[in-house]
């Protein structure tokens, strides 16, 4: 363990510990190494799942339509539901 590493203690269910032990033995690694690799893989997978807004289909519809209404973002209910209520939005 180097100075840059932090020691932690965790509690594992017996079944998980047994699986971890078997995995470590099969890969000829320490249990600690298997845990570190599992955490690294998990964090990397989460980073890869981050949304790429440039390629998001909803982002691509921005600007497709046009309107003379300039306050739709703050008064959208008025414009969406006014016709259902039989009144004009203004």
Protein backbone atom coordinates (compact mmCIF):
# COMPACT_ATOMS: atom_id res chain seq x y z
CA UNK A 1 0.00 0.00 0.00
CA UNK A 2 1.37 3.40 -0.97
CA UNK A 3 0.75 6.73 0.75
CA UNK A 4 -1.71 7.63 -2.02
CA UNK A 5 -3.92 4.65 -1.18
CA UNK A 6 -6.61 4.74 1.49
CA UNK A 7 -7.54 1.76 3.62
CA UNK A 8 -11.24 0.99 4.00
CA UNK A 9 -13.25 -1.73 5.67
CA UNK A 10 -16.46 -3.15 4.25
CA UNK A 11 -18.88 -5.88 5.23
CA UNK A 12 -19.94 -8.39 2.58
CA UNK A 13 -22.59 -11.08 2.66
CA UNK A 14 -21.08 -14.58 2.84
CA UNK A 15 -22.29 -15.42 -0.68
CA UNK A 16 -20.67 -12.34 -2.20
CA UNK A 17 -17.45 -12.92 -0.28
CA UNK A 18 -17.35 -16.53 -1.48
CA UNK A 19 -17.86 -15.47 -5.11
CA UNK A 20 -15.18 -12.82 -4.70
CA UNK A 21 -12.76 -15.35 -3.25
CA UNK A 22 -13.37 -17.78 -6.11
CA UNK A 23 -12.90 -15.00 -8.69
CA UNK A 24 -9.63 -13.91 -7.09
CA UNK A 25 -8.34 -17.48 -7.01
CA UNK A 26 -9.37 -18.12 -10.65
CA UNK A 27 -7.59 -14.96 -11.83
CA UNK A 28 -4.60 -15.49 -9.53
CA UNK A 29 -5.18 -12.08 -7.90
CA UNK A 30 -5.76 -10.83 -4.42
CA UNK A 31 -9.30 -10.15 -3.26
CA UNK A 32 -8.34 -6.49 -2.88
CA UNK A 33 -7.19 -6.34 -6.52
CA UNK A 34 -10.45 -7.89 -7.76
CA UNK A 35 -12.43 -5.34 -5.71
CA UNK A 36 -10.34 -2.41 -7.03
CA UNK A 37 -10.80 -3.58 -10.62
CA UNK A 38 -14.54 -4.05 -10.12
CA UNK A 39 -14.87 -0.52 -8.74
CA UNK A 40 -12.77 0.93 -11.57
CA UNK A 41 -14.90 -0.91 -14.16
CA UNK A 42 -18.11 0.26 -12.52
CA UNK A 43 -17.00 3.91 -12.46
CA UNK A 44 -15.77 3.77 -16.05
CA UNK A 45 -19.09 2.31 -17.19
CA UNK A 46 -20.96 5.13 -15.43
CA UNK A 47 -18.75 7.71 -17.14
CA UNK A 48 -19.47 6.13 -20.53
CA UNK A 49 -23.23 6.26 -19.90
CA UNK A 50 -23.23 10.03 -19.49
CA UNK A 51 -25.62 11.69 -21.93
CA UNK A 52 -24.07 13.08 -25.07
CA UNK A 53 -26.37 16.08 -25.50
CA UNK A 54 -25.11 16.89 -29.01
CA UNK A 55 -26.42 13.55 -30.28
CA UNK A 56 -29.54 13.44 -28.12
CA UNK A 57 -32.63 13.29 -30.38
CA UNK A 58 -34.57 15.72 -28.18
CA UNK A 59 -31.77 18.26 -28.45
CA UNK A 60 -32.01 18.06 -32.24
CA UNK A 61 -35.61 19.35 -32.32
CA UNK A 62 -34.64 22.69 -30.80
CA UNK A 63 -35.29 25.42 -33.33
CA UNK A 64 -37.38 23.26 -35.68
CA UNK A 65 -40.51 25.35 -35.15
CA UNK A 66 -41.16 29.04 -35.01
CA UNK A 67 -43.71 31.29 -33.36
CA UNK A 68 -44.40 34.92 -32.66
CA UNK A 69 -44.99 33.99 -29.02
CA UNK A 70 -42.05 35.20 -26.94
CA UNK A 71 -43.11 34.16 -23.44
CA UNK A 72 -43.96 30.50 -24.11
CA UNK A 73 -41.31 29.16 -21.76
CA UNK A 74 -42.82 30.93 -18.76
CA UNK A 75 -46.51 30.77 -19.82
CA UNK A 76 -46.65 27.45 -21.67
CA UNK A 77 -49.72 26.20 -19.78
CA UNK A 78 -51.67 29.22 -20.96
CA UNK A 79 -50.83 28.46 -24.60
CA UNK A 80 -51.23 24.69 -24.40
CA UNK A 81 -54.46 24.49 -22.43
CA UNK A 82 -56.30 27.69 -23.44
CA UNK A 83 -57.91 26.07 -26.50
CA UNK A 84 -59.14 23.13 -24.39
CA UNK A 85 -60.80 25.52 -21.97
CA UNK A 86 -62.51 27.40 -24.77
CA UNK A 87 -60.60 30.63 -24.26
CA UNK A 88 -57.95 32.41 -26.24
CA UNK A 89 -54.41 32.53 -24.85
CA UNK A 90 -54.45 36.32 -24.63
